Structures are given as C-alpha cells and as structure tokens.
Amino acid sequence: AITHENPEKNKELEKLRKRRDLTFKRLNEIPDISCTKVQGAFYAFPSIHSNKWKTDKEFVLQLLRETGVLTVYGSGFSEKPGTKHFRIVFLADEPTLAEAFDKIEEFMKKNAG
C-alpha cells in the first residue's frame, strides 16, 4: 500500500505536508518555543524555552485554561524530566491550525519573562 501509486493517498500526504510545514514555521516564530521539522508523524513535539513554568504540565494546563488550545505535556510521553516539551497534533485544517498558533503566540507574548 505504501509503494503503490495512489492519487488519493498522494493528495492526503500533500495535505499533511502543508500542515506539517505550517506547524514547523509557526511554532518556530513564537517567542520561547522551538520545534524540529517532523519527518514521519502527524504531531510535533516543540520545546518551551521559558522559565515561567516549572514543568511542561503547568504550561499545558495554563495554555488550555487561557486559550482553549489543547496540547499534551511531553512528560506524559516519558520525556526527560525538566526538558519542557509539549505535543501538538496537526491533523486539523490549516485555518484551524493557524487560529491555534495565533492563540499560542498571543499566550506566549502575554506570559513572556
């Protein structure tokens, strides 16, 4: 199924590539967040580079309360303690993703320092 040419599969993969690229671009434009480009998944695992939050769980919960944007804290995936990552899925359509990234960016600017 992976090697067989399939126009529908190719169309879906192209949608995912665009969403991945949008996710990579937007997350790296947000202050105190960085992310590597995903190669084979439908989620990203960005790093939080702010000392405002003691843990990634604290960050995720405050983000949810203040913006309604749901992510998952990285320590829930056996991430090394103290590295402060979160997981965000990019399966939503591009306008929905853009809205979520706008909210995350506003949240980070508001909580800078």
PDB file of N, CA and C in Angstrom:
ATOM      1  N   ALA A   1       0.825  -1.190   0.000  1.00  0.00           N
ATOM      2  CA  ALA A   1       0.000   0.000   0.000  1.00  0.00           C
ATOM      3  C   ALA A   1       0.872   1.257   0.000  1.00  0.00           C
ATOM      4  N   ILE A   2       2.028   1.193   0.664  1.00  0.00           N
ATOM      5  CA  ILE A   2       2.871   2.381   0.740  1.00  0.00           C
ATOM      6  C   ILE A   2       3.550   2.674  -0.587  1.00  0.00           C
ATOM      7  N   THR A   3       3.997   1.650  -1.310  1.00  0.00           N
ATOM      8  CA  THR A   3       4.733   1.873  -2.551  1.00  0.00           C
ATOM      9  C   THR A   3       3.824   1.964  -3.768  1.00  0.00           C
ATOM     10  N   HIS A   4       2.607   1.489  -3.674  1.00  0.00           N
ATOM     11  CA  HIS A   4       1.672   1.522  -4.802  1.00  0.00           C
ATOM     12  C   HIS A   4       1.205   2.960  -5.038  1.00  0.00           C
ATOM     13  N   GLU A   5       1.265   3.404  -6.304  1.00  0.00           N
ATOM     14  CA  GLU A   5       0.797   4.747  -6.646  1.00  0.00           C
ATOM     15  C   GLU A   5      -0.699   4.844  -6.415  1.00  0.00           C
ATOM     16  N   ASN A   6      -1.095   5.844  -5.665  1.00  0.00           N
ATOM     17  CA  ASN A   6      -2.495   6.039  -5.338  1.00  0.00           C
ATOM     18  C   ASN A   6      -2.755   7.544  -5.261  1.00  0.00           C
ATOM     19  N   PRO A   7      -3.504   8.090  -6.223  1.00  0.00           N
ATOM     20  CA  PRO A   7      -3.748   9.539  -6.245  1.00  0.00           C
ATOM     21  C   PRO A   7      -4.410  10.058  -4.962  1.00  0.00           C
ATOM     22  N   GLU A   8      -5.310   9.292  -4.389  1.00  0.00           N
ATOM     23  CA  GLU A   8      -5.970   9.725  -3.149  1.00  0.00           C
ATOM     24  C   GLU A   8      -4.975   9.787  -1.997  1.00  0.00           C
ATOM     25  N   LYS A   9      -4.134   8.779  -1.893  1.00  0.00           N
ATOM     26  CA  LYS A   9      -3.110   8.762  -0.845  1.00  0.00           C
ATOM     27  C   LYS A   9      -2.169   9.950  -1.020  1.00  0.00           C
ATOM     28  N   ASN A  10      -1.763  10.201  -2.256  1.00  0.00           N
ATOM     29  CA  ASN A  10      -0.857  11.306  -2.530  1.00  0.00           C
ATOM     30  C   ASN A  10      -1.483  12.649  -2.153  1.00  0.00           C
ATOM     31  N   LYS A  11      -2.776  12.796  -2.403  1.00  0.00           N
ATOM     32  CA  LYS A  11      -3.490  14.022  -2.060  1.00  0.00           C
ATOM     33  C   LYS A  11      -3.505  14.221  -0.542  1.00  0.00           C
ATOM     34  N   GLU A  12      -3.751  13.159   0.192  1.00  0.00           N
ATOM     35  CA  GLU A  12      -3.773  13.240   1.653  1.00  0.00           C
ATOM     36  C   GLU A  12      -2.373  13.519   2.206  1.00  0.00           C
ATOM     37  N   LEU A  13      -1.366  12.891   1.635  1.00  0.00           N
ATOM     38  CA  LEU A  13       0.003  13.149   2.080  1.00  0.00           C
ATOM     39  C   LEU A  13       0.403  14.601   1.826  1.00  0.00           C
ATOM     40  N   GLU A  14      -0.031  15.162   0.719  1.00  0.00           N
ATOM     41  CA  GLU A  14       0.273  16.560   0.421  1.00  0.00           C
ATOM     42  C   GLU A  14      -0.399  17.488   1.438  1.00  0.00           C
ATOM     43  N   LYS A  15      -1.630  17.182   1.832  1.00  0.00           N
ATOM     44  CA  LYS A  15      -2.312  17.973   2.876  1.00  0.00           C
ATOM     45  C   LYS A  15      -1.508  17.932   4.175  1.00  0.00           C
ATOM     46  N   LEU A  16      -1.058  16.731   4.530  1.00  0.00           N
ATOM     47  CA  LEU A  16      -0.281  16.591   5.763  1.00  0.00           C
ATOM     48  C   LEU A  16       1.051  17.335   5.684  1.00  0.00           C
ATOM     49  N   ARG A  17       1.700  17.316   4.514  1.00  0.00           N
ATOM     50  CA  ARG A  17       2.963  18.055   4.344  1.00  0.00           C
ATOM     51  C   ARG A  17       2.746  19.547   4.565  1.00  0.00           C
ATOM     52  N   LYS A  18       1.669  20.088   3.980  1.00  0.00           N
ATOM     53  CA  LYS A  18       1.370  21.521   4.139  1.00  0.00           C
ATOM     54  C   LYS A  18       1.109  21.854   5.598  1.00  0.00           C
ATOM     55  N   ARG A  19       0.376  21.000   6.288  1.00  0.00           N
ATOM     56  CA  ARG A  19       0.066  21.228   7.703  1.00  0.00           C
ATOM     57  C   ARG A  19       1.320  21.101   8.562  1.00  0.00           C
ATOM     58  N   ARG A  20       2.158  20.140   8.219  1.00  0.00           N
ATOM     59  CA  ARG A  20       3.434  19.982   8.930  1.00  0.00           C
ATOM     60  C   ARG A  20       4.299  21.234   8.747  1.00  0.00           C
ATOM     61  N   ASP A  21       4.389  21.709   7.512  1.00  0.00           N
ATOM     62  CA  ASP A  21       5.215  22.879   7.231  1.00  0.00           C
ATOM     63  C   ASP A  21       4.678  24.125   7.931  1.00  0.00           C
ATOM     64  N   LEU A  22       3.368  24.284   7.949  1.00  0.00           N
ATOM     65  CA  LEU A  22       2.747  25.400   8.665  1.00  0.00           C
ATOM     66  C   LEU A  22       3.072  25.299  10.160  1.00  0.00           C
ATOM     67  N   THR A  23       2.947  24.111  10.715  1.00  0.00           N
ATOM     68  CA  THR A  23       3.224  23.880  12.124  1.00  0.00           C
ATOM     69  C   THR A  23       4.678  24.216  12.455  1.00  0.00           C
ATOM     70  N   PHE A  24       5.596  23.713  11.663  1.00  0.00           N
ATOM     71  CA  PHE A  24       7.020  23.967  11.862  1.00  0.00           C
ATOM     72  C   PHE A  24       7.315  25.469  11.802  1.00  0.00           C
ATOM     73  N   LYS A  25       6.803  26.134  10.786  1.00  0.00           N
ATOM     74  CA  LYS A  25       7.042  27.569  10.587  1.00  0.00           C
ATOM     75  C   LYS A  25       6.478  28.375  11.746  1.00  0.00           C
ATOM     76  N   ARG A  26       5.219  28.151  12.054  1.00  0.00           N
ATOM     77  CA  ARG A  26       4.556  28.966  13.079  1.00  0.00           C
ATOM     78  C   ARG A  26       5.144  28.738  14.471  1.00  0.00           C
ATOM     79  N   LEU A  27       5.404  27.496  14.840  1.00  0.00           N
ATOM     80  CA  LEU A  27       5.952  27.244  16.171  1.00  0.00           C
ATOM     81  C   LEU A  27       7.310  27.904  16.347  1.00  0.00           C
ATOM     82  N   ASN A  28       8.129  27.895  15.295  1.00  0.00           N
ATOM     83  CA  ASN A  28       9.454  28.498  15.398  1.00  0.00           C
ATOM     84  C   ASN A  28       9.422  30.020  15.346  1.00  0.00           C
ATOM     85  N   GLU A  29       8.287  30.604  14.998  1.00  0.00           N
ATOM     86  CA  GLU A  29       8.130  32.062  15.017  1.00  0.00           C
ATOM     87  C   GLU A  29       7.651  32.566  16.385  1.00  0.00           C
ATOM     88  N   ILE A  30       7.202  31.667  17.239  1.00  0.00           N
ATOM     89  CA  ILE A  30       6.657  32.048  18.545  1.00  0.00           C
ATOM     90  C   ILE A  30       7.803  32.193  19.553  1.00  0.00           C
ATOM     91  N   PRO A  31       7.813  33.314  20.290  1.00  0.00           N
ATOM     92  CA  PRO A  31       8.872  33.507  21.286  1.00  0.00           C
ATOM     93  C   PRO A  31       8.919  32.369  22.308  1.00  0.00           C
ATOM     94  N   ASP A  32      10.119  31.942  22.638  1.00  0.00           N
ATOM     95  CA  ASP A  32      10.384  30.920  23.661  1.00  0.00           C
ATOM     96  C   ASP A  32       9.878  29.523  23.311  1.00  0.00           C
ATOM     97  N   ILE A  33       9.621  29.269  22.024  1.00  0.00           N
ATOM     98  CA  ILE A  33       9.246  27.924  21.567  1.00  0.00           C
ATOM     99  C   ILE A  33      10.109  27.589  20.354  1.00  0.00           C
ATOM    100  N   SER A  34      10.563  26.352  20.281  1.00  0.00           N
ATOM    101  CA  SER A  34      11.279  25.879  19.088  1.00  0.00           C
ATOM    102  C   SER A  34      10.813  24.475  18.774  1.00  0.00           C
ATOM    103  N   CYS A  35      10.969  24.096  17.507  1.00  0.00           N
ATOM    104  CA  CYS A  35      10.487  22.793  17.072  1.00  0.00           C
ATOM    105  C   CYS A  35      11.307  22.313  15.884  1.00  0.00           C
ATOM    106  N   THR A  36      11.620  21.034  15.873  1.00  0.00           N
ATOM    107  CA  THR A  36      12.277  20.453  14.709  1.00  0.00           C
ATOM    108  C   THR A  36      11.210  20.027  13.702  1.00  0.00           C
ATOM    109  N   LYS A  37      11.593  19.927  12.446  1.00  0.00           N
ATOM    110  CA  LYS A  37      10.651  19.528  11.402  1.00  0.00           C
ATOM    111  C   LYS A  37      10.353  18.041  11.510  1.00  0.00           C
ATOM    112  N   VAL A  38       9.091  17.730  11.570  1.00  0.00           N
ATOM    113  CA  VAL A  38       8.630  16.343  11.693  1.00  0.00           C
ATOM    114  C   VAL A  38       8.857  15.625  10.371  1.00  0.00           C
ATOM    115  N   GLN A  39       9.300  14.362  10.434  1.00  0.00           N
ATOM    116  CA  GLN A  39       9.559  13.604   9.220  1.00  0.00           C
ATOM    117  C   GLN A  39       8.539  12.499   8.957  1.00  0.00           C
ATOM    118  N   GLY A  40       7.917  11.947   9.983  1.00  0.00           N
ATOM    119  CA  GLY A  40       7.033  10.809   9.718  1.00  0.00           C
ATOM    120  C   GLY A  40       5.899  10.659  10.707  1.00  0.00           C
ATOM    121  N   ALA A  41       5.364  11.766  11.202  1.00  0.00           N
ATOM    122  CA  ALA A  41       4.274  11.699  12.175  1.00  0.00           C
ATOM    123  C   ALA A  41       3.272  12.808  11.866  1.00  0.00           C
ATOM    124  N   PHE A  42       2.165  12.809  12.569  1.00  0.00           N
ATOM    125  CA  PHE A  42       1.165  13.858  12.388  1.00  0.00           C
ATOM    126  C   PHE A  42       1.072  14.727  13.640  1.00  0.00           C
ATOM    127  N   TYR A  43       2.162  14.776  14.383  1.00  0.00           N
ATOM    128  CA  TYR A  43       2.245  15.628  15.562  1.00  0.00           C
ATOM    129  C   TYR A  43       3.656  16.186  15.656  1.00  0.00           C
ATOM    130  N   ALA A  44       3.775  17.316  16.352  1.00  0.00           N
ATOM    131  CA  ALA A  44       5.068  17.933  16.610  1.00  0.00           C
ATOM    132  C   ALA A  44       5.316  17.895  18.111  1.00  0.00           C
ATOM    133  N   PHE A  45       6.576  18.052  18.492  1.00  0.00           N
ATOM    134  CA  PHE A  45       6.972  17.951  19.888  1.00  0.00           C
ATOM    135  C   PHE A  45       7.864  19.147  20.244  1.00  0.00           C
ATOM    136  N   PRO A  46       7.279  20.364  20.261  1.00  0.00           N
ATOM    137  CA  PRO A  46       8.084  21.562  20.489  1.00  0.00           C
ATOM    138  C   PRO A  46       8.626  21.691  21.911  1.00  0.00           C
ATOM    139  N   SER A  47       9.705  22.460  22.035  1.00  0.00           N
ATOM    140  CA  SER A  47      10.339  22.759  23.321  1.00  0.00           C
ATOM    141  C   SER A  47       9.886  24.129  23.807  1.00  0.00           C
ATOM    142  N   ILE A  48       9.749  24.250  25.116  1.00  0.00           N
ATOM    143  CA  ILE A  48       9.409  25.517  25.761  1.00  0.00           C
ATOM    144  C   ILE A  48      10.700  26.050  26.382  1.00  0.00           C
ATOM    145  N   HIS A  49      11.099  27.275  26.008  1.00  0.00           N
ATOM    146  CA  HIS A  49      12.362  27.843  26.485  1.00  0.00           C
ATOM    147  C   HIS A  49      12.121  29.013  27.437  1.00  0.00           C
ATOM    148  N   SER A  50      11.158  28.877  28.307  1.00  0.00           N
ATOM    149  CA  SER A  50      10.855  29.923  29.281  1.00  0.00           C
ATOM    150  C   SER A  50      10.897  29.314  30.672  1.00  0.00           C
ATOM    151  N   ASN A  51      11.384  30.097  31.612  1.00  0.00           N
ATOM    152  CA  ASN A  51      11.425  29.632  32.995  1.00  0.00           C
ATOM    153  C   ASN A  51      10.168  30.022  33.773  1.00  0.00           C
ATOM    154  N   LYS A  52       9.199  30.613  33.090  1.00  0.00           N
ATOM    155  CA  LYS A  52       7.949  30.999  33.746  1.00  0.00           C
ATOM    156  C   LYS A  52       7.221  29.784  34.314  1.00  0.00           C
ATOM    157  N   TRP A  53       7.311  28.666  33.627  1.00  0.00           N
ATOM    158  CA  TRP A  53       6.633  27.445  34.063  1.00  0.00           C
ATOM    159  C   TRP A  53       7.678  26.468  34.583  1.00  0.00           C
ATOM    160  N   LYS A  54       7.397  25.899  35.743  1.00  0.00           N
ATOM    161  CA  LYS A  54       8.330  24.935  36.323  1.00  0.00           C
ATOM    162  C   LYS A  54       8.321  23.622  35.561  1.00  0.00           C
ATOM    163  N   THR A  55       7.149  23.261  35.009  1.00  0.00           N
ATOM    164  CA  THR A  55       7.023  21.990  34.288  1.00  0.00           C
ATOM    165  C   THR A  55       6.244  22.184  33.002  1.00  0.00           C
ATOM    166  N   ASP A  56       6.383  21.237  32.106  1.00  0.00           N
ATOM    167  CA  ASP A  56       5.607  21.264  30.870  1.00  0.00           C
ATOM    168  C   ASP A  56       4.116  21.066  31.156  1.00  0.00           C
ATOM    169  N   LYS A  57       3.796  20.318  32.183  1.00  0.00           N
ATOM    170  CA  LYS A  57       2.389  20.110  32.559  1.00  0.00           C
ATOM    171  C   LYS A  57       1.760  21.430  32.998  1.00  0.00           C
ATOM    172  N   GLU A  58       2.478  22.204  33.777  1.00  0.00           N
ATOM    173  CA  GLU A  58       1.999  23.514  34.214  1.00  0.00           C
ATOM    174  C   GLU A  58       1.731  24.409  32.999  1.00  0.00           C
ATOM    175  N   PHE A  59       2.650  24.394  32.032  1.00  0.00           N
ATOM    176  CA  PHE A  59       2.488  25.181  30.796  1.00  0.00           C
ATOM    177  C   PHE A  59       1.228  24.771  30.041  1.00  0.00           C
ATOM    178  N   VAL A  60       1.071  23.478  29.820  1.00  0.00           N
ATOM    179  CA  VAL A  60      -0.058  22.959  29.041  1.00  0.00           C
ATOM    180  C   VAL A  60      -1.392  23.301  29.706  1.00  0.00           C
ATOM    181  N   LEU A  61      -1.467  23.154  31.013  1.00  0.00           N
ATOM    182  CA  LEU A  61      -2.717  23.441  31.719  1.00  0.00           C
ATOM    183  C   LEU A  61      -3.068  24.923  31.680  1.00  0.00           C
ATOM    184  N   GLN A  62      -2.064  25.794  31.830  1.00  0.00           N
ATOM    185  CA  GLN A  62      -2.330  27.231  31.752  1.00  0.00           C
ATOM    186  C   GLN A  62      -2.719  27.621  30.329  1.00  0.00           C
ATOM    187  N   LEU A  63      -2.046  27.054  29.340  1.00  0.00           N
ATOM    188  CA  LEU A  63      -2.396  27.314  27.941  1.00  0.00           C
ATOM    189  C   LEU A  63      -3.847  26.928  27.670  1.00  0.00           C
ATOM    190  N   LEU A  64      -4.257  25.782  28.141  1.00  0.00           N
ATOM    191  CA  LEU A  64      -5.635  25.317  27.948  1.00  0.00           C
ATOM    192  C   LEU A  64      -6.630  26.249  28.636  1.00  0.00           C
ATOM    193  N   ARG A  65      -6.367  26.595  29.887  1.00  0.00           N
ATOM    194  CA  ARG A  65      -7.288  27.463  30.637  1.00  0.00           C
ATOM    195  C   ARG A  65      -7.442  28.831  29.983  1.00  0.00           C
ATOM    196  N   GLU A  66      -6.340  29.391  29.509  1.00  0.00           N
ATOM    197  CA  GLU A  66      -6.371  30.761  28.993  1.00  0.00           C
ATOM    198  C   GLU A  66      -6.749  30.871  27.521  1.00  0.00           C
ATOM    199  N   THR A  67      -6.526  29.818  26.744  1.00  0.00           N
ATOM    200  CA  THR A  67      -6.756  29.932  25.293  1.00  0.00           C
ATOM    201  C   THR A  67      -7.735  28.910  24.732  1.00  0.00           C
ATOM    202  N   GLY A  68      -7.932  27.812  25.445  1.00  0.00           N
ATOM    203  CA  GLY A  68      -8.756  26.733  24.916  1.00  0.00           C
ATOM    204  C   GLY A  68      -8.004  25.815  23.966  1.00  0.00           C
ATOM    205  N   VAL A  69      -6.710  26.044  23.783  1.00  0.00           N
ATOM    206  CA  VAL A  69      -5.889  25.203  22.907  1.00  0.00           C
ATOM    207  C   VAL A  69      -5.399  23.997  23.710  1.00  0.00           C
ATOM    208  N   LEU A  70      -5.766  22.818  23.246  1.00  0.00           N
ATOM    209  CA  LEU A  70      -5.405  21.583  23.939  1.00  0.00           C
ATOM    210  C   LEU A  70      -4.157  20.963  23.322  1.00  0.00           C
ATOM    211  N   THR A  71      -3.148  20.783  24.155  1.00  0.00           N
ATOM    212  CA  THR A  71      -1.931  20.058  23.781  1.00  0.00           C
ATOM    213  C   THR A  71      -1.698  19.027  24.884  1.00  0.00           C
ATOM    214  N   VAL A  72      -0.655  18.259  24.776  1.00  0.00           N
ATOM    215  CA  VAL A  72      -0.329  17.269  25.804  1.00  0.00           C
ATOM    216  C   VAL A  72       1.091  17.540  26.276  1.00  0.00           C
ATOM    217  N   TYR A  73       1.308  17.477  27.575  1.00  0.00           N
ATOM    218  CA  TYR A  73       2.640  17.745  28.099  1.00  0.00           C
ATOM    219  C   TYR A  73       3.586  16.599  27.755  1.00  0.00           C
ATOM    220  N   GLY A  74       4.813  16.962  27.441  1.00  0.00           N
ATOM    221  CA  GLY A  74       5.802  15.997  26.983  1.00  0.00           C
ATOM    222  C   GLY A  74       6.176  14.958  28.008  1.00  0.00           C
ATOM    223  N   SER A  75       6.132  15.317  29.291  1.00  0.00           N
ATOM    224  CA  SER A  75       6.491  14.339  30.317  1.00  0.00           C
ATOM    225  C   SER A  75       5.496  13.185  30.343  1.00  0.00           C
ATOM    226  N   GLY A  76       4.322  13.368  29.753  1.00  0.00           N
ATOM    227  CA  GLY A  76       3.363  12.272  29.624  1.00  0.00           C
ATOM    228  C   GLY A  76       3.817  11.211  28.632  1.00  0.00           C
ATOM    229  N   PHE A  77       4.881  11.513  27.884  1.00  0.00           N
ATOM    230  CA  PHE A  77       5.435  10.573  26.907  1.00  0.00           C
ATOM    231  C   PHE A  77       6.833  10.130  27.319  1.00  0.00           C
ATOM    232  N   SER A  78       7.063  10.112  28.619  1.00  0.00           N
ATOM    233  CA  SER A  78       8.357   9.698  29.185  1.00  0.00           C
ATOM    234  C   SER A  78       9.507  10.590  28.733  1.00  0.00           C
ATOM    235  N   GLU A  79       9.210  11.841  28.481  1.00  0.00           N
ATOM    236  CA  GLU A  79      10.243  12.807  28.125  1.00  0.00           C
ATOM    237  C   GLU A  79      11.151  13.015  29.334  1.00  0.00           C
ATOM    238  N   LYS A  80      12.391  13.295  29.082  1.00  0.00           N
ATOM    239  CA  LYS A  80      13.347  13.520  30.162  1.00  0.00           C
ATOM    240  C   LYS A  80      12.835  14.660  31.049  1.00  0.00           C
ATOM    241  N   PRO A  81      12.748  14.449  32.358  1.00  0.00           N
ATOM    242  CA  PRO A  81      12.244  15.483  33.266  1.00  0.00           C
ATOM    243  C   PRO A  81      13.007  16.794  33.118  1.00  0.00           C
ATOM    244  N   GLY A  82      12.267  17.887  33.127  1.00  0.00           N
ATOM    245  CA  GLY A  82      12.871  19.210  33.063  1.00  0.00           C
ATOM    246  C   GLY A  82      13.120  19.747  31.670  1.00  0.00           C
ATOM    247  N   THR A  83      12.872  18.958  30.634  1.00  0.00           N
ATOM    248  CA  THR A  83      13.151  19.437  29.280  1.00  0.00           C
ATOM    249  C   THR A  83      12.013  20.275  28.703  1.00  0.00           C
ATOM    250  N   LYS A  84      10.854  20.229  29.294  1.00  0.00           N
ATOM    251  CA  LYS A  84       9.698  21.052  28.939  1.00  0.00           C
ATOM    252  C   LYS A  84       9.358  21.031  27.442  1.00  0.00           C
ATOM    253  N   HIS A  85       8.740  19.955  27.032  1.00  0.00           N
ATOM    254  CA  HIS A  85       8.196  19.799  25.688  1.00  0.00           C
ATOM    255  C   HIS A  85       6.680  19.661  25.783  1.00  0.00           C
ATOM    256  N   PHE A  86       6.001  19.892  24.662  1.00  0.00           N
ATOM    257  CA  PHE A  86       4.586  19.551  24.581  1.00  0.00           C
ATOM    258  C   PHE A  86       4.323  18.958  23.206  1.00  0.00           C
ATOM    259  N   ARG A  87       3.256  18.208  23.119  1.00  0.00           N
ATOM    260  CA  ARG A  87       2.899  17.549  21.863  1.00  0.00           C
ATOM    261  C   ARG A  87       1.661  18.226  21.293  1.00  0.00           C
ATOM    262  N   ILE A  88       1.717  18.544  20.007  1.00  0.00           N
ATOM    263  CA  ILE A  88       0.581  19.150  19.328  1.00  0.00           C
ATOM    264  C   ILE A  88       0.338  18.408  18.014  1.00  0.00           C
ATOM    265  N   VAL A  89      -0.890  18.019  17.791  1.00  0.00           N
ATOM    266  CA  VAL A  89      -1.277  17.267  16.592  1.00  0.00           C
ATOM    267  C   VAL A  89      -1.641  18.260  15.491  1.00  0.00           C
ATOM    268  N   PHE A  90      -1.198  18.007  14.255  1.00  0.00           N
ATOM    269  CA  PHE A  90      -1.503  18.934  13.161  1.00  0.00           C
ATOM    270  C   PHE A  90      -2.404  18.322  12.087  1.00  0.00           C
ATOM    271  N   LEU A  91      -3.377  17.529  12.501  1.00  0.00           N
ATOM    272  CA  LEU A  91      -4.337  16.941  11.560  1.00  0.00           C
ATOM    273  C   LEU A  91      -5.473  17.897  11.190  1.00  0.00           C
ATOM    274  N   ALA A  92      -5.703  18.917  11.999  1.00  0.00           N
ATOM    275  CA  ALA A  92      -6.783  19.873  11.709  1.00  0.00           C
ATOM    276  C   ALA A  92      -6.484  20.634  10.417  1.00  0.00           C
ATOM    277  N   ASP A  93      -7.510  21.242   9.834  1.00  0.00           N
ATOM    278  CA  ASP A  93      -7.300  22.015   8.604  1.00  0.00           C
ATOM    279  C   ASP A  93      -6.438  23.251   8.900  1.00  0.00           C
ATOM    280  N   GLU A  94      -5.891  23.843   7.855  1.00  0.00           N
ATOM    281  CA  GLU A  94      -4.937  24.938   8.019  1.00  0.00           C
ATOM    282  C   GLU A  94      -5.531  26.160   8.726  1.00  0.00           C
ATOM    283  N   PRO A  95      -6.768  26.581   8.436  1.00  0.00           N
ATOM    284  CA  PRO A  95      -7.319  27.716   9.187  1.00  0.00           C
ATOM    285  C   PRO A  95      -7.440  27.435  10.693  1.00  0.00           C
ATOM    286  N   THR A  96      -7.812  26.230  11.053  1.00  0.00           N
ATOM    287  CA  THR A  96      -7.919  25.870  12.469  1.00  0.00           C
ATOM    288  C   THR A  96      -6.539  25.864  13.117  1.00  0.00           C
ATOM    289  N   LEU A  97      -5.560  25.309  12.423  1.00  0.00           N
ATOM    290  CA  LEU A  97      -4.191  25.323  12.947  1.00  0.00           C
ATOM    291  C   LEU A  97      -3.682  26.753  13.110  1.00  0.00           C
ATOM    292  N   ALA A  98      -3.927  27.591  12.117  1.00  0.00           N
ATOM    293  CA  ALA A  98      -3.479  28.986  12.187  1.00  0.00           C
ATOM    294  C   ALA A  98      -4.097  29.688  13.396  1.00  0.00           C
ATOM    295  N   GLU A  99      -5.368  29.437  13.648  1.00  0.00           N
ATOM    296  CA  GLU A  99      -6.034  30.032  14.806  1.00  0.00           C
ATOM    297  C   GLU A  99      -5.381  29.549  16.111  1.00  0.00           C
ATOM    298  N   ALA A 100      -5.093  28.268  16.197  1.00  0.00           N
ATOM    299  CA  ALA A 100      -4.440  27.722  17.392  1.00  0.00           C
ATOM    300  C   ALA A 100      -3.059  28.338  17.579  1.00  0.00           C
ATOM    301  N   PHE A 101      -2.288  28.460  16.508  1.00  0.00           N
ATOM    302  CA  PHE A 101      -0.949  29.042  16.622  1.00  0.00           C
ATOM    303  C   PHE A 101      -1.014  30.516  16.986  1.00  0.00           C
ATOM    304  N   ASP A 102      -2.020  31.235  16.471  1.00  0.00           N
ATOM    305  CA  ASP A 102      -2.216  32.639  16.867  1.00  0.00           C
ATOM    306  C   ASP A 102      -2.448  32.736  18.366  1.00  0.00           C
ATOM    307  N   LYS A 103      -3.275  31.845  18.894  1.00  0.00           N
ATOM    308  CA  LYS A 103      -3.578  31.852  20.334  1.00  0.00           C
ATOM    309  C   LYS A 103      -2.353  31.492  21.163  1.00  0.00           C
ATOM    310  N   ILE A 104      -1.572  30.524  20.696  1.00  0.00           N
ATOM    311  CA  ILE A 104      -0.352  30.149  21.416  1.00  0.00           C
ATOM    312  C   ILE A 104       0.635  31.314  21.398  1.00  0.00           C
ATOM    313  N   GLU A 105       0.763  31.961  20.253  1.00  0.00           N
ATOM    314  CA  GLU A 105       1.688  33.095  20.146  1.00  0.00           C
ATOM    315  C   GLU A 105       1.265  34.232  21.077  1.00  0.00           C
ATOM    316  N   GLU A 106      -0.012  34.553  21.089  1.00  0.00           N
ATOM    317  CA  GLU A 106      -0.524  35.604  21.974  1.00  0.00           C
ATOM    318  C   GLU A 106      -0.274  35.230  23.444  1.00  0.00           C
ATOM    319  N   PHE A 107      -0.533  33.977  23.778  1.00  0.00           N
ATOM    320  CA  PHE A 107      -0.308  33.461  25.127  1.00  0.00           C
ATOM    321  C   PHE A 107       1.162  33.629  25.531  1.00  0.00           C
ATOM    322  N   MET A 108       2.068  33.256  24.657  1.00  0.00           N
ATOM    323  CA  MET A 108       3.500  33.342  24.977  1.00  0.00           C
ATOM    324  C   MET A 108       3.938  34.796  25.110  1.00  0.00           C
ATOM    325  N   LYS A 109       3.445  35.669  24.265  1.00  0.00           N
ATOM    326  CA  LYS A 109       3.817  37.094  24.372  1.00  0.00           C
ATOM    327  C   LYS A 109       3.294  37.686  25.675  1.00  0.00           C
ATOM    328  N   LYS A 110       2.086  37.302  26.053  1.00  0.00           N
ATOM    329  CA  LYS A 110       1.476  37.787  27.294  1.00  0.00           C
ATOM    330  C   LYS A 110       2.244  37.286  28.510  1.00  0.00           C
ATOM    331  N   ASN A 111       2.774  36.089  28.429  1.00  0.00           N
ATOM    332  CA  ASN A 111       3.453  35.463  29.566  1.00  0.00           C
ATOM    333  C   ASN A 111       4.963  35.499  29.464  1.00  0.00           C
ATOM    334  N   ALA A 112       5.501  36.367  28.627  1.00  0.00           N
ATOM    335  CA  ALA A 112       6.958  36.461  28.444  1.00  0.00           C
ATOM    336  C   ALA A 112       7.635  36.856  29.752  1.00  0.00           C
ATOM    337  N   GLY A 113       8.820  36.326  29.892  1.00  0.00           N
ATOM    338  CA  GLY A 113       9.621  36.741  31.034  1.00  0.00           C
ATOM    339  C   GLY A 113       9.790  35.747  32.040  1.00  0.00           C
TER     340      GLY A 113
END
